[in-house]
Amino acid sequence: MGATERIAELMKAMHEREIAEMLDFAEFLLAKRDREMTEAWSTLDKYAGRYDGAKWRRDELYDRAGLR
């Protein structure tokens, strides 16, 4: 039995008030997921457009004064 079927079975034994509380919790979880995704994308948006696509050579990275 999957989680969906198990939840359906449990709901059959619950009162309407308990089902409403469970629904409220499920909606909270969905809102939390959406909020976390929005925060994650906004972090990426801060850096959007910073890479200009220029080619670079690995050898040149080690030829800086700070690495000598």
PDB file of N, CA and C in Angstrom:
ATOM      1  N   MET A   1       0.856  -1.180   0.000  1.00  0.00           N
ATOM      2  CA  MET A   1       0.000   0.000   0.000  1.00  0.00           C
ATOM      3  C   MET A   1       0.895   1.234   0.000  1.00  0.00           C
ATOM      4  N   GLY A   2       0.642   2.125  -0.942  1.00  0.00           N
ATOM      5  CA  GLY A   2       1.413   3.352  -1.038  1.00  0.00           C
ATOM      6  C   GLY A   2       0.941   4.395  -0.040  1.00  0.00           C
ATOM      7  N   ALA A   3       1.678   5.465   0.021  1.00  0.00           N
ATOM      8  CA  ALA A   3       1.365   6.536   0.965  1.00  0.00           C
ATOM      9  C   ALA A   3      -0.003   7.157   0.675  1.00  0.00           C
ATOM     10  N   THR A   4      -0.322   7.334  -0.588  1.00  0.00           N
ATOM     11  CA  THR A   4      -1.611   7.935  -0.953  1.00  0.00           C
ATOM     12  C   THR A   4      -2.773   7.071  -0.480  1.00  0.00           C
ATOM     13  N   GLU A   5      -2.658   5.773  -0.705  1.00  0.00           N
ATOM     14  CA  GLU A   5      -3.718   4.863  -0.266  1.00  0.00           C
ATOM     15  C   GLU A   5      -3.813   4.829   1.254  1.00  0.00           C
ATOM     16  N   ARG A   6      -2.676   4.865   1.919  1.00  0.00           N
ATOM     17  CA  ARG A   6      -2.662   4.842   3.394  1.00  0.00           C
ATOM     18  C   ARG A   6      -3.333   6.095   3.957  1.00  0.00           C
ATOM     19  N   ILE A   7      -3.037   7.239   3.367  1.00  0.00           N
ATOM     20  CA  ILE A   7      -3.665   8.485   3.818  1.00  0.00           C
ATOM     21  C   ILE A   7      -5.173   8.429   3.591  1.00  0.00           C
ATOM     22  N   ALA A   8      -5.592   7.906   2.452  1.00  0.00           N
ATOM     23  CA  ALA A   8      -7.028   7.790   2.166  1.00  0.00           C
ATOM     24  C   ALA A   8      -7.712   6.897   3.197  1.00  0.00           C
ATOM     25  N   GLU A   9      -7.068   5.794   3.567  1.00  0.00           N
ATOM     26  CA  GLU A   9      -7.633   4.893   4.578  1.00  0.00           C
ATOM     27  C   GLU A   9      -7.728   5.588   5.937  1.00  0.00           C
ATOM     28  N   LEU A  10      -6.706   6.313   6.309  1.00  0.00           N
ATOM     29  CA  LEU A  10      -6.729   7.025   7.590  1.00  0.00           C
ATOM     30  C   LEU A  10      -7.819   8.092   7.609  1.00  0.00           C
ATOM     31  N   MET A  11      -8.007   8.769   6.493  1.00  0.00           N
ATOM     32  CA  MET A  11      -9.015   9.827   6.436  1.00  0.00           C
ATOM     33  C   MET A  11     -10.426   9.275   6.622  1.00  0.00           C
ATOM     34  N   LYS A  12     -10.652   8.047   6.220  1.00  0.00           N
ATOM     35  CA  LYS A  12     -11.980   7.450   6.387  1.00  0.00           C
ATOM     36  C   LYS A  12     -12.352   7.323   7.860  1.00  0.00           C
ATOM     37  N   ALA A  13     -11.346   7.203   8.721  1.00  0.00           N
ATOM     38  CA  ALA A  13     -11.601   7.043  10.150  1.00  0.00           C
ATOM     39  C   ALA A  13     -11.576   8.367  10.907  1.00  0.00           C
ATOM     40  N   MET A  14     -11.299   9.467  10.223  1.00  0.00           N
ATOM     41  CA  MET A  14     -11.161  10.767  10.888  1.00  0.00           C
ATOM     42  C   MET A  14     -12.457  11.561  10.844  1.00  0.00           C
ATOM     43  N   HIS A  15     -12.546  12.496  11.788  1.00  0.00           N
ATOM     44  CA  HIS A  15     -13.644  13.455  11.802  1.00  0.00           C
ATOM     45  C   HIS A  15     -13.307  14.578  10.825  1.00  0.00           C
ATOM     46  N   GLU A  16     -14.328  15.317  10.438  1.00  0.00           N
ATOM     47  CA  GLU A  16     -14.144  16.409   9.469  1.00  0.00           C
ATOM     48  C   GLU A  16     -13.116  17.430   9.964  1.00  0.00           C
ATOM     49  N   ARG A  17     -13.122  17.721  11.249  1.00  0.00           N
ATOM     50  CA  ARG A  17     -12.175  18.684  11.820  1.00  0.00           C
ATOM     51  C   ARG A  17     -10.742  18.199  11.655  1.00  0.00           C
ATOM     52  N   GLU A  18     -10.520  16.918  11.859  1.00  0.00           N
ATOM     53  CA  GLU A  18      -9.177  16.344  11.718  1.00  0.00           C
ATOM     54  C   GLU A  18      -8.727  16.337  10.255  1.00  0.00           C
ATOM     55  N   ILE A  19      -9.659  16.079   9.368  1.00  0.00           N
ATOM     56  CA  ILE A  19      -9.339  16.105   7.940  1.00  0.00           C
ATOM     57  C   ILE A  19      -8.973  17.526   7.514  1.00  0.00           C
ATOM     58  N   ALA A  20      -9.703  18.510   8.033  1.00  0.00           N
ATOM     59  CA  ALA A  20      -9.399  19.907   7.717  1.00  0.00           C
ATOM     60  C   ALA A  20      -8.007  20.281   8.218  1.00  0.00           C
ATOM     61  N   GLU A  21      -7.639  19.778   9.390  1.00  0.00           N
ATOM     62  CA  GLU A  21      -6.304  20.043   9.933  1.00  0.00           C
ATOM     63  C   GLU A  21      -5.230  19.395   9.055  1.00  0.00           C
ATOM     64  N   MET A  22      -5.498  18.204   8.584  1.00  0.00           N
ATOM     65  CA  MET A  22      -4.560  17.514   7.707  1.00  0.00           C
ATOM     66  C   MET A  22      -4.421  18.264   6.377  1.00  0.00           C
ATOM     67  N   LEU A  23      -5.519  18.752   5.861  1.00  0.00           N
ATOM     68  CA  LEU A  23      -5.498  19.538   4.633  1.00  0.00           C
ATOM     69  C   LEU A  23      -4.690  20.818   4.825  1.00  0.00           C
ATOM     70  N   ASP A  24      -4.879  21.470   5.948  1.00  0.00           N
ATOM     71  CA  ASP A  24      -4.129  22.686   6.256  1.00  0.00           C
ATOM     72  C   ASP A  24      -2.630  22.395   6.290  1.00  0.00           C
ATOM     73  N   PHE A  25      -2.254  21.284   6.884  1.00  0.00           N
ATOM     74  CA  PHE A  25      -0.842  20.909   6.951  1.00  0.00           C
ATOM     75  C   PHE A  25      -0.278  20.618   5.561  1.00  0.00           C
ATOM     76  N   ALA A  26      -1.045  19.927   4.732  1.00  0.00           N
ATOM     77  CA  ALA A  26      -0.593  19.625   3.366  1.00  0.00           C
ATOM     78  C   ALA A  26      -0.402  20.911   2.567  1.00  0.00           C
ATOM     79  N   GLU A  27      -1.317  21.860   2.726  1.00  0.00           N
ATOM     80  CA  GLU A  27      -1.177  23.148   2.043  1.00  0.00           C
ATOM     81  C   GLU A  27       0.038  23.909   2.554  1.00  0.00           C
ATOM     82  N   PHE A  28       0.321  23.813   3.848  1.00  0.00           N
ATOM     83  CA  PHE A  28       1.520  24.428   4.417  1.00  0.00           C
ATOM     84  C   PHE A  28       2.774  23.842   3.782  1.00  0.00           C
ATOM     85  N   LEU A  29       2.818  22.519   3.636  1.00  0.00           N
ATOM     86  CA  LEU A  29       3.991  21.875   3.039  1.00  0.00           C
ATOM     87  C   LEU A  29       4.204  22.323   1.598  1.00  0.00           C
ATOM     88  N   LEU A  30       3.124  22.452   0.835  1.00  0.00           N
ATOM     89  CA  LEU A  30       3.247  22.918  -0.545  1.00  0.00           C
ATOM     90  C   LEU A  30       3.738  24.359  -0.605  1.00  0.00           C
ATOM     91  N   ALA A  31       3.215  25.207   0.275  1.00  0.00           N
ATOM     92  CA  ALA A  31       3.647  26.606   0.309  1.00  0.00           C
ATOM     93  C   ALA A  31       5.115  26.702   0.709  1.00  0.00           C
ATOM     94  N   LYS A  32       5.530  25.860   1.649  1.00  0.00           N
ATOM     95  CA  LYS A  32       6.927  25.844   2.082  1.00  0.00           C
ATOM     96  C   LYS A  32       7.837  25.448   0.925  1.00  0.00           C
ATOM     97  N   ARG A  33       7.448  24.429   0.174  1.00  0.00           N
ATOM     98  CA  ARG A  33       8.245  23.990  -0.971  1.00  0.00           C
ATOM     99  C   ARG A  33       8.354  25.101  -2.007  1.00  0.00           C
ATOM    100  N   ASP A  34       7.236  25.772  -2.285  1.00  0.00           N
ATOM    101  CA  ASP A  34       7.256  26.870  -3.253  1.00  0.00           C
ATOM    102  C   ASP A  34       8.146  28.011  -2.775  1.00  0.00           C
ATOM    103  N   ARG A  35       8.074  28.324  -1.488  1.00  0.00           N
ATOM    104  CA  ARG A  35       8.894  29.400  -0.919  1.00  0.00           C
ATOM    105  C   ARG A  35      10.374  29.054  -1.019  1.00  0.00           C
ATOM    106  N   GLU A  36      10.727  27.809  -0.717  1.00  0.00           N
ATOM    107  CA  GLU A  36      12.125  27.387  -0.792  1.00  0.00           C
ATOM    108  C   GLU A  36      12.637  27.413  -2.226  1.00  0.00           C
ATOM    109  N   MET A  37      11.799  27.022  -3.176  1.00  0.00           N
ATOM    110  CA  MET A  37      12.206  27.073  -4.582  1.00  0.00           C
ATOM    111  C   MET A  37      12.404  28.515  -5.035  1.00  0.00           C
ATOM    112  N   THR A  38      11.519  29.399  -4.606  1.00  0.00           N
ATOM    113  CA  THR A  38      11.644  30.812  -4.962  1.00  0.00           C
ATOM    114  C   THR A  38      12.934  31.388  -4.402  1.00  0.00           C
ATOM    115  N   GLU A  39      13.259  31.044  -3.157  1.00  0.00           N
ATOM    116  CA  GLU A  39      14.498  31.519  -2.552  1.00  0.00           C
ATOM    117  C   GLU A  39      15.712  30.982  -3.293  1.00  0.00           C
ATOM    118  N   ALA A  40      15.668  29.723  -3.697  1.00  0.00           N
ATOM    119  CA  ALA A  40      16.794  29.129  -4.419  1.00  0.00           C
ATOM    120  C   ALA A  40      16.996  29.815  -5.765  1.00  0.00           C
ATOM    121  N   TRP A  41      15.920  30.061  -6.487  1.00  0.00           N
ATOM    122  CA  TRP A  41      16.040  30.724  -7.786  1.00  0.00           C
ATOM    123  C   TRP A  41      16.494  32.162  -7.623  1.00  0.00           C
ATOM    124  N   SER A  42      16.057  32.843  -6.566  1.00  0.00           N
ATOM    125  CA  SER A  42      16.484  34.232  -6.379  1.00  0.00           C
ATOM    126  C   SER A  42      17.979  34.301  -6.094  1.00  0.00           C
ATOM    127  N   THR A  43      18.528  33.273  -5.455  1.00  0.00           N
ATOM    128  CA  THR A  43      19.972  33.223  -5.242  1.00  0.00           C
ATOM    129  C   THR A  43      20.689  33.128  -6.580  1.00  0.00           C
ATOM    130  N   LEU A  44      20.194  32.297  -7.473  1.00  0.00           N
ATOM    131  CA  LEU A  44      20.803  32.181  -8.799  1.00  0.00           C
ATOM    132  C   LEU A  44      20.615  33.456  -9.616  1.00  0.00           C
ATOM    133  N   ASP A  45      19.483  34.116  -9.454  1.00  0.00           N
ATOM    134  CA  ASP A  45      19.212  35.338 -10.210  1.00  0.00           C
ATOM    135  C   ASP A  45      20.215  36.441  -9.896  1.00  0.00           C
ATOM    136  N   LYS A  46      20.770  36.438  -8.683  1.00  0.00           N
ATOM    137  CA  LYS A  46      21.757  37.461  -8.326  1.00  0.00           C
ATOM    138  C   LYS A  46      22.973  37.396  -9.239  1.00  0.00           C
ATOM    139  N   TYR A  47      23.279  36.217  -9.742  1.00  0.00           N
ATOM    140  CA  TYR A  47      24.477  36.025 -10.552  1.00  0.00           C
ATOM    141  C   TYR A  47      24.178  35.895 -12.046  1.00  0.00           C
ATOM    142  N   ALA A  48      22.954  36.083 -12.410  1.00  0.00           N
ATOM    143  CA  ALA A  48      22.569  35.949 -13.819  1.00  0.00           C
ATOM    144  C   ALA A  48      23.274  36.999 -14.668  1.00  0.00           C
ATOM    145  N   GLY A  49      23.818  36.562 -15.792  1.00  0.00           N
ATOM    146  CA  GLY A  49      24.455  37.484 -16.718  1.00  0.00           C
ATOM    147  C   GLY A  49      25.884  37.844 -16.394  1.00  0.00           C
ATOM    148  N   ARG A  50      26.447  37.314 -15.340  1.00  0.00           N
ATOM    149  CA  ARG A  50      27.820  37.671 -14.977  1.00  0.00           C
ATOM    150  C   ARG A  50      28.854  36.953 -15.828  1.00  0.00           C
ATOM    151  N   TYR A  51      28.534  35.779 -16.302  1.00  0.00           N
ATOM    152  CA  TYR A  51      29.478  35.049 -17.145  1.00  0.00           C
ATOM    153  C   TYR A  51      29.258  35.485 -18.583  1.00  0.00           C
ATOM    154  N   ASP A  52      30.312  35.988 -19.196  1.00  0.00           N
ATOM    155  CA  ASP A  52      30.177  36.522 -20.549  1.00  0.00           C
ATOM    156  C   ASP A  52      30.408  35.474 -21.632  1.00  0.00           C
ATOM    157  N   GLY A  53      30.711  34.267 -21.241  1.00  0.00           N
ATOM    158  CA  GLY A  53      30.907  33.203 -22.208  1.00  0.00           C
ATOM    159  C   GLY A  53      32.280  33.180 -22.845  1.00  0.00           C
ATOM    160  N   ALA A  54      33.169  34.032 -22.353  1.00  0.00           N
ATOM    161  CA  ALA A  54      34.511  34.097 -22.932  1.00  0.00           C
ATOM    162  C   ALA A  54      35.256  32.792 -22.675  1.00  0.00           C
ATOM    163  N   LYS A  55      36.029  32.395 -23.647  1.00  0.00           N
ATOM    164  CA  LYS A  55      36.850  31.190 -23.499  1.00  0.00           C
ATOM    165  C   LYS A  55      38.041  31.509 -22.606  1.00  0.00           C
ATOM    166  N   TRP A  56      38.482  30.535 -21.852  1.00  0.00           N
ATOM    167  CA  TRP A  56      39.662  30.721 -21.018  1.00  0.00           C
ATOM    168  C   TRP A  56      40.528  29.487 -21.114  1.00  0.00           C
ATOM    169  N   ARG A  57      41.798  29.710 -20.859  1.00  0.00           N
ATOM    170  CA  ARG A  57      42.747  28.605 -20.910  1.00  0.00           C
ATOM    171  C   ARG A  57      43.214  28.304 -19.495  1.00  0.00           C
ATOM    172  N   ARG A  58      43.252  27.053 -19.159  1.00  0.00           N
ATOM    173  CA  ARG A  58      43.624  26.638 -17.812  1.00  0.00           C
ATOM    174  C   ARG A  58      45.033  27.117 -17.439  1.00  0.00           C
ATOM    175  N   ASP A  59      45.963  27.083 -18.370  1.00  0.00           N
ATOM    176  CA  ASP A  59      47.336  27.509 -18.078  1.00  0.00           C
ATOM    177  C   ASP A  59      47.393  28.965 -17.641  1.00  0.00           C
ATOM    178  N   GLU A  60      46.549  29.798 -18.217  1.00  0.00           N
ATOM    179  CA  GLU A  60      46.548  31.214 -17.858  1.00  0.00           C
ATOM    180  C   GLU A  60      46.065  31.433 -16.429  1.00  0.00           C
ATOM    181  N   LEU A  61      45.270  30.545 -15.920  1.00  0.00           N
ATOM    182  CA  LEU A  61      44.784  30.694 -14.549  1.00  0.00           C
ATOM    183  C   LEU A  61      45.910  30.574 -13.535  1.00  0.00           C
ATOM    184  N   TYR A  62      46.931  29.814 -13.860  1.00  0.00           N
ATOM    185  CA  TYR A  62      48.047  29.607 -12.939  1.00  0.00           C
ATOM    186  C   TYR A  62      49.169  30.608 -13.160  1.00  0.00           C
ATOM    187  N   ASP A  63      48.991  31.527 -14.090  1.00  0.00           N
ATOM    188  CA  ASP A  63      50.030  32.493 -14.403  1.00  0.00           C
ATOM    189  C   ASP A  63      49.723  33.848 -13.773  1.00  0.00           C
ATOM    190  N   ARG A  64      49.062  33.845 -12.641  1.00  0.00           N
ATOM    191  CA  ARG A  64      48.762  35.096 -11.951  1.00  0.00           C
ATOM    192  C   ARG A  64      49.775  35.312 -10.842  1.00  0.00           C
ATOM    193  N   ALA A  65      50.043  36.571 -10.539  1.00  0.00           N
ATOM    194  CA  ALA A  65      51.065  36.918  -9.551  1.00  0.00           C
ATOM    195  C   ALA A  65      50.755  36.320  -8.178  1.00  0.00           C
ATOM    196  N   GLY A  66      49.504  36.231  -7.828  1.00  0.00           N
ATOM    197  CA  GLY A  66      49.142  35.710  -6.515  1.00  0.00           C
ATOM    198  C   GLY A  66      49.416  34.231  -6.344  1.00  0.00           C
ATOM    199  N   LEU A  67      49.623  33.530  -7.427  1.00  0.00           N
ATOM    200  CA  LEU A  67      49.852  32.089  -7.357  1.00  0.00           C
ATOM    201  C   LEU A  67      51.327  31.719  -7.458  1.00  0.00           C
ATOM    202  N   ARG A  68      52.170  32.703  -7.611  1.00  0.00           N
ATOM    203  CA  ARG A  68      53.609  32.415  -7.751  1.00  0.00           C
ATOM    204  C   ARG A  68      54.273  32.294  -6.416  1.00  0.00           C
TER     205      ARG A  68
END
